Amino acid sequence: MERLCERLPELAGPAEPPARLHGDLWSGNVLWAADGDVRLIDPAAHGGHRETDLAMLRLFGCPHLEAVLDGYQRVAPLAEGWTERVGVHQLFPLLVHAVLFGRGYAEQALSVARSALTG
């Protein structure tokens, strides 16, 4: 983890201005209305890299994720290679979950870190 943290500026993607993040964007905080509208609830809003919320949606699953990502790309295209950086942007929630819920998340976080360093 320490080696990854040292290389984080290089591994996290091109520098861009901080975006307002939801901060806890998993499927339980995405409500789909009958009319097709979407509501986001229970934010832990903060500024950060915009790939982070999208990576968290992928980590914990989200109905219609590919449609969400396609819509995002149409409105605010992500930098080249963003799909290869998803794991790096999943590390923070994985580490939080390791502390809260145990070893399985710690092993997943270590696997992601190793992949990022060798990829």
C-alpha atoms as a PDB file:
ATOM      1  CA  MET A   1       0.000   0.000   0.000  1.00  0.00           C
ATOM      2  CA  GLU A   2       2.832   2.388   0.789  1.00  0.00           C
ATOM      3  CA  ARG A   3       4.394   1.870  -2.646  1.00  0.00           C
ATOM      4  CA  LEU A   4       1.032   2.479  -4.276  1.00  0.00           C
ATOM      5  CA  CYS A   5       0.509   5.667  -2.256  1.00  0.00           C
ATOM      6  CA  GLU A   6       3.891   6.939  -3.423  1.00  0.00           C
ATOM      7  CA  ARG A   7       2.810   6.425  -7.037  1.00  0.00           C
ATOM      8  CA  LEU A   8      -0.793   7.575  -6.603  1.00  0.00           C
ATOM      9  CA  PRO A   9      -0.409  10.850  -8.519  1.00  0.00           C
ATOM     10  CA  GLU A  10       0.825   8.847 -11.508  1.00  0.00           C
ATOM     11  CA  LEU A  11      -1.681   5.977 -11.165  1.00  0.00           C
ATOM     12  CA  ALA A  12      -4.876   7.943 -10.444  1.00  0.00           C
ATOM     13  CA  GLY A  13      -5.122   9.515 -13.876  1.00  0.00           C
ATOM     14  CA  PRO A  14      -4.505  12.912 -15.389  1.00  0.00           C
ATOM     15  CA  ALA A  15      -4.781  15.868 -13.055  1.00  0.00           C
ATOM     16  CA  GLU A  16      -8.074  17.688 -13.281  1.00  0.00           C
ATOM     17  CA  PRO A  17      -9.952  20.097 -11.043  1.00  0.00           C
ATOM     18  CA  PRO A  18     -11.656  18.460  -8.050  1.00  0.00           C
ATOM     19  CA  ALA A  19     -15.230  17.400  -8.700  1.00  0.00           C
ATOM     20  CA  ARG A  20     -18.038  17.292  -6.153  1.00  0.00           C
ATOM     21  CA  LEU A  21     -18.384  13.611  -5.296  1.00  0.00           C
ATOM     22  CA  HIS A  22     -21.338  11.842  -3.763  1.00  0.00           C
ATOM     23  CA  GLY A  23     -18.824   9.987  -1.604  1.00  0.00           C
ATOM     24  CA  ASP A  24     -20.940   6.910  -0.813  1.00  0.00           C
ATOM     25  CA  LEU A  25     -22.231   5.968  -4.227  1.00  0.00           C
ATOM     26  CA  TRP A  26     -23.303   2.351  -4.060  1.00  0.00           C
ATOM     27  CA  SER A  27     -26.526   0.841  -5.404  1.00  0.00           C
ATOM     28  CA  GLY A  28     -28.380   1.342  -2.102  1.00  0.00           C
ATOM     29  CA  ASN A  29     -27.959   5.100  -2.480  1.00  0.00           C
ATOM     30  CA  VAL A  30     -29.241   5.147  -6.077  1.00  0.00           C
ATOM     31  CA  LEU A  31     -33.037   5.141  -6.231  1.00  0.00           C
ATOM     32  CA  TRP A  32     -34.720   4.395  -9.542  1.00  0.00           C
ATOM     33  CA  ALA A  33     -38.187   5.946  -9.871  1.00  0.00           C
ATOM     34  CA  ALA A  34     -40.972   4.301 -11.837  1.00  0.00           C
ATOM     35  CA  ASP A  35     -40.772   7.106 -14.412  1.00  0.00           C
ATOM     36  CA  GLY A  36     -37.081   6.339 -15.041  1.00  0.00           C
ATOM     37  CA  ASP A  37     -35.707   9.260 -13.050  1.00  0.00           C
ATOM     38  CA  VAL A  38     -32.861   8.599 -10.655  1.00  0.00           C
ATOM     39  CA  ARG A  39     -32.354  10.028  -7.181  1.00  0.00           C
ATOM     40  CA  LEU A  40     -29.116   9.896  -5.228  1.00  0.00           C
ATOM     41  CA  ILE A  41     -29.504   9.769  -1.456  1.00  0.00           C
ATOM     42  CA  ASP A  42     -27.329   9.765   1.666  1.00  0.00           C
ATOM     43  CA  PRO A  43     -24.286  11.594   0.297  1.00  0.00           C
ATOM     44  CA  ALA A  44     -20.958  12.009   2.014  1.00  0.00           C
ATOM     45  CA  ALA A  45     -20.152  14.883  -0.329  1.00  0.00           C
ATOM     46  CA  HIS A  46     -16.592  16.046  -0.767  1.00  0.00           C
ATOM     47  CA  GLY A  47     -14.208  17.088  -3.504  1.00  0.00           C
ATOM     48  CA  GLY A  48     -12.111  14.560  -5.327  1.00  0.00           C
ATOM     49  CA  HIS A  49     -11.386  12.826  -8.599  1.00  0.00           C
ATOM     50  CA  ARG A  50     -14.586  12.233 -10.552  1.00  0.00           C
ATOM     51  CA  GLU A  51     -13.566   8.692 -11.485  1.00  0.00           C
ATOM     52  CA  THR A  52     -13.934   7.713  -7.820  1.00  0.00           C
ATOM     53  CA  ASP A  53     -17.752   7.742  -7.643  1.00  0.00           C
ATOM     54  CA  LEU A  54     -17.971   5.779 -10.885  1.00  0.00           C
ATOM     55  CA  ALA A  55     -15.454   3.234  -9.587  1.00  0.00           C
ATOM     56  CA  MET A  56     -17.497   2.805  -6.413  1.00  0.00           C
ATOM     57  CA  LEU A  57     -20.634   2.143  -8.460  1.00  0.00           C
ATOM     58  CA  ARG A  58     -18.754  -0.644 -10.228  1.00  0.00           C
ATOM     59  CA  LEU A  59     -17.328  -2.011  -6.962  1.00  0.00           C
ATOM     60  CA  PHE A  60     -20.658  -2.527  -5.235  1.00  0.00           C
ATOM     61  CA  GLY A  61     -22.815  -2.970  -8.320  1.00  0.00           C
ATOM     62  CA  CYS A  62     -25.424  -0.709  -9.789  1.00  0.00           C
ATOM     63  CA  PRO A  63     -28.423  -1.572 -11.941  1.00  0.00           C
ATOM     64  CA  HIS A  64     -28.032  -0.167 -15.447  1.00  0.00           C
ATOM     65  CA  LEU A  65     -24.371   0.662 -14.773  1.00  0.00           C
ATOM     66  CA  GLU A  66     -23.386   0.584 -18.445  1.00  0.00           C
ATOM     67  CA  ALA A  67     -26.199   3.045 -19.285  1.00  0.00           C
ATOM     68  CA  VAL A  68     -25.037   5.311 -16.445  1.00  0.00           C
ATOM     69  CA  LEU A  69     -21.440   5.197 -17.691  1.00  0.00           C
ATOM     70  CA  ASP A  70     -22.509   5.798 -21.305  1.00  0.00           C
ATOM     71  CA  GLY A  71     -24.537   8.835 -20.221  1.00  0.00           C
ATOM     72  CA  TYR A  72     -21.633  10.160 -18.188  1.00  0.00           C
ATOM     73  CA  GLN A  73     -19.277   9.756 -21.135  1.00  0.00           C
ATOM     74  CA  ARG A  74     -21.665  11.683 -23.400  1.00  0.00           C
ATOM     75  CA  VAL A  75     -21.928  14.621 -20.981  1.00  0.00           C
ATOM     76  CA  ALA A  76     -18.445  14.750 -19.436  1.00  0.00           C
ATOM     77  CA  PRO A  77     -16.021  12.343 -21.146  1.00  0.00           C
ATOM     78  CA  LEU A  78     -13.427  10.752 -18.913  1.00  0.00           C
ATOM     79  CA  ALA A  79      -9.720  10.760 -19.712  1.00  0.00           C
ATOM     80  CA  GLU A  80      -8.274   7.985 -21.816  1.00  0.00           C
ATOM     81  CA  GLY A  81      -7.546   4.827 -19.818  1.00  0.00           C
ATOM     82  CA  TRP A  82     -10.112   5.458 -17.074  1.00  0.00           C
ATOM     83  CA  THR A  83     -11.275   1.827 -17.113  1.00  0.00           C
ATOM     84  CA  GLU A  84      -7.734   0.712 -16.236  1.00  0.00           C
ATOM     85  CA  ARG A  85      -7.769   3.058 -13.221  1.00  0.00           C
ATOM     86  CA  VAL A  86     -11.032   1.791 -11.720  1.00  0.00           C
ATOM     87  CA  GLY A  87      -9.210  -0.375  -9.168  1.00  0.00           C
ATOM     88  CA  VAL A  88      -7.089   2.518  -7.920  1.00  0.00           C
ATOM     89  CA  HIS A  89     -10.233   4.565  -7.368  1.00  0.00           C
ATOM     90  CA  GLN A  90     -11.825   1.642  -5.500  1.00  0.00           C
ATOM     91  CA  LEU A  91      -9.026   1.398  -2.942  1.00  0.00           C
ATOM     92  CA  PHE A  92     -10.376   3.904  -0.432  1.00  0.00           C
ATOM     93  CA  PRO A  93     -13.803   2.244  -0.061  1.00  0.00           C
ATOM     94  CA  LEU A  94     -12.143  -1.174  -0.001  1.00  0.00           C
ATOM     95  CA  LEU A  95      -9.850  -0.113   2.836  1.00  0.00           C
ATOM     96  CA  VAL A  96     -12.736   1.430   4.782  1.00  0.00           C
ATOM     97  CA  HIS A  97     -14.695  -1.793   4.349  1.00  0.00           C
ATOM     98  CA  ALA A  98     -11.655  -3.814   5.454  1.00  0.00           C
ATOM     99  CA  VAL A  99     -11.640  -1.893   8.736  1.00  0.00           C
ATOM    100  CA  LEU A 100     -15.402  -2.203   9.180  1.00  0.00           C
ATOM    101  CA  PHE A 101     -16.094  -5.677   7.797  1.00  0.00           C
ATOM    102  CA  GLY A 102     -12.873  -7.640   7.755  1.00  0.00           C
ATOM    103  CA  ARG A 103     -10.333  -9.639   5.911  1.00  0.00           C
ATOM    104  CA  GLY A 104     -12.138 -10.264   2.610  1.00  0.00           C
ATOM    105  CA  TYR A 105     -12.045  -6.571   1.766  1.00  0.00           C
ATOM    106  CA  ALA A 106      -8.415  -6.310   2.900  1.00  0.00           C
ATOM    107  CA  GLU A 107      -7.434  -9.112   0.539  1.00  0.00           C
ATOM    108  CA  GLN A 108      -9.358  -7.463  -2.288  1.00  0.00           C
ATOM    109  CA  ALA A 109      -7.619  -4.135  -1.589  1.00  0.00           C
ATOM    110  CA  LEU A 110      -4.188  -5.791  -1.624  1.00  0.00           C
ATOM    111  CA  SER A 111      -5.005  -7.535  -4.891  1.00  0.00           C
ATOM    112  CA  VAL A 112      -6.092  -4.242  -6.461  1.00  0.00           C
ATOM    113  CA  ALA A 113      -2.934  -2.496  -5.196  1.00  0.00           C
ATOM    114  CA  ARG A 114      -0.678  -5.232  -6.576  1.00  0.00           C
ATOM    115  CA  SER A 115      -2.457  -5.080  -9.935  1.00  0.00           C
ATOM    116  CA  ALA A 116      -2.086  -1.318 -10.132  1.00  0.00           C
ATOM    117  CA  LEU A 117       1.633  -1.530  -9.375  1.00  0.00           C
ATOM    118  CA  THR A 118       2.334  -4.247 -11.932  1.00  0.00           C
ATOM    119  CA  GLY A 119      -0.166  -3.106 -14.592  1.00  0.00           C
END
